[in-house]
Amino acid sequence: MISDNILIAYELTHYLLNKREGELGYAALKLDMSKVYDRVEWCFLEKMMRRLGFHDSWIGLIMECVSTVKYRVKVNGDLSNIFVLQQGLR
């Protein structure tokens, strides 16, 4: 279940941030194990909302939220350059 994965990720991150003893280092690695059917293309999302009869202003608001998100990756405390997704949601 997705909620189990979120809980495990939170607990692991909490442990790594609060580790205070010992010389042995730890690392976390998140692997993307999703399948092809786990992706929703933006154009499909918009077409489905139109087909289901959502108001244009609502569709515009949702599409703005999902298509303008910017990401950064933190590695060893340093943030990467900003990157933007181009295709869809996971």
Protein backbone atom coordinates (compact mmCIF):
# COMPACT_ATOMS: atom_id res chain seq x y z
CA MET A 1 0.00 0.00 0.00
CA ILE A 2 1.19 3.51 -0.78
CA SER A 3 0.56 4.62 2.80
CA ASP A 4 2.97 1.96 4.06
CA ASN A 5 5.67 3.27 1.73
CA ILE A 6 5.15 6.82 2.96
CA LEU A 7 5.39 5.73 6.59
CA ILE A 8 8.57 3.71 5.97
CA ALA A 9 10.17 6.61 4.07
CA TYR A 10 9.31 9.02 6.88
CA GLU A 11 10.69 6.72 9.59
CA LEU A 12 13.89 6.07 7.62
CA THR A 13 14.45 9.77 7.00
CA HIS A 14 13.81 10.56 10.67
CA TYR A 15 16.34 7.90 11.73
CA LEU A 16 19.00 9.15 9.33
CA LEU A 17 18.57 12.77 10.38
CA ASN A 18 18.73 11.95 14.10
CA LYS A 19 21.55 9.35 14.14
CA ARG A 20 24.09 10.63 16.66
CA GLU A 21 26.32 7.71 17.62
CA GLY A 22 28.67 5.31 15.88
CA GLU A 23 31.12 5.78 13.07
CA LEU A 24 29.33 3.66 10.50
CA GLY A 25 27.53 5.83 7.93
CA TYR A 26 24.13 5.13 6.45
CA ALA A 27 22.51 6.06 3.18
CA ALA A 28 18.98 5.98 1.79
CA LEU A 29 18.21 5.07 -1.81
CA LYS A 30 14.77 5.54 -3.31
CA LEU A 31 14.16 3.38 -6.34
CA ASP A 32 11.34 4.05 -8.76
CA MET A 33 9.57 0.72 -9.06
CA SER A 34 6.45 2.02 -10.81
CA LYS A 35 4.87 0.33 -13.78
CA VAL A 36 3.77 1.91 -17.05
CA TYR A 37 0.14 2.00 -15.89
CA ASP A 38 1.11 4.16 -12.88
CA ARG A 39 1.55 7.25 -15.04
CA VAL A 40 -1.18 9.71 -16.07
CA GLU A 41 -0.38 12.00 -18.98
CA TRP A 42 -1.45 15.62 -18.52
CA CYS A 43 -3.45 15.69 -21.76
CA PHE A 44 -5.34 12.55 -20.67
CA LEU A 45 -6.16 14.13 -17.29
CA GLU A 46 -7.46 17.27 -18.95
CA LYS A 47 -9.55 15.34 -21.50
CA MET A 48 -11.06 13.16 -18.78
CA MET A 49 -12.06 16.17 -16.68
CA ARG A 50 -13.69 17.74 -19.75
CA ARG A 51 -15.46 14.49 -20.57
CA LEU A 52 -16.74 14.22 -16.98
CA GLY A 53 -18.17 17.74 -17.22
CA PHE A 54 -15.89 19.72 -14.92
CA HIS A 55 -16.04 23.51 -15.33
CA ASP A 56 -13.30 25.09 -17.46
CA SER A 57 -12.04 27.23 -14.58
CA TRP A 58 -11.63 24.12 -12.39
CA ILE A 59 -9.83 22.26 -15.16
CA GLY A 60 -7.53 25.24 -15.67
CA LEU A 61 -6.75 25.40 -11.95
CA ILE A 62 -5.96 21.67 -11.70
CA MET A 63 -3.83 21.73 -14.86
CA GLU A 64 -1.92 24.73 -13.51
CA CYS A 65 -1.22 22.84 -10.28
CA VAL A 66 0.03 19.66 -11.94
CA SER A 67 1.99 21.16 -14.82
CA THR A 68 3.92 23.97 -13.10
CA VAL A 69 5.56 22.08 -10.23
CA LYS A 70 9.34 22.45 -9.97
CA TYR A 71 11.63 19.91 -8.30
CA ARG A 72 15.07 19.88 -6.68
CA VAL A 73 17.01 16.90 -5.38
CA LYS A 74 18.99 17.03 -2.14
CA VAL A 75 22.19 14.95 -2.11
CA ASN A 76 24.49 15.11 0.92
CA GLY A 77 22.82 18.34 2.00
CA ASP A 78 23.31 20.10 -1.36
CA LEU A 79 20.34 20.94 -3.58
CA SER A 80 20.45 20.26 -7.31
CA ASN A 81 19.42 22.68 -10.01
CA ILE A 82 15.66 23.07 -10.50
CA PHE A 83 14.04 20.78 -13.04
CA VAL A 84 10.48 20.58 -14.34
CA LEU A 85 8.60 17.47 -15.43
CA GLN A 86 7.34 17.54 -19.00
CA GLN A 87 4.82 14.74 -19.42
CA GLY A 88 2.62 13.56 -16.63
CA LEU A 89 1.86 12.57 -13.05
CA ARG A 90 2.86 9.57 -11.01
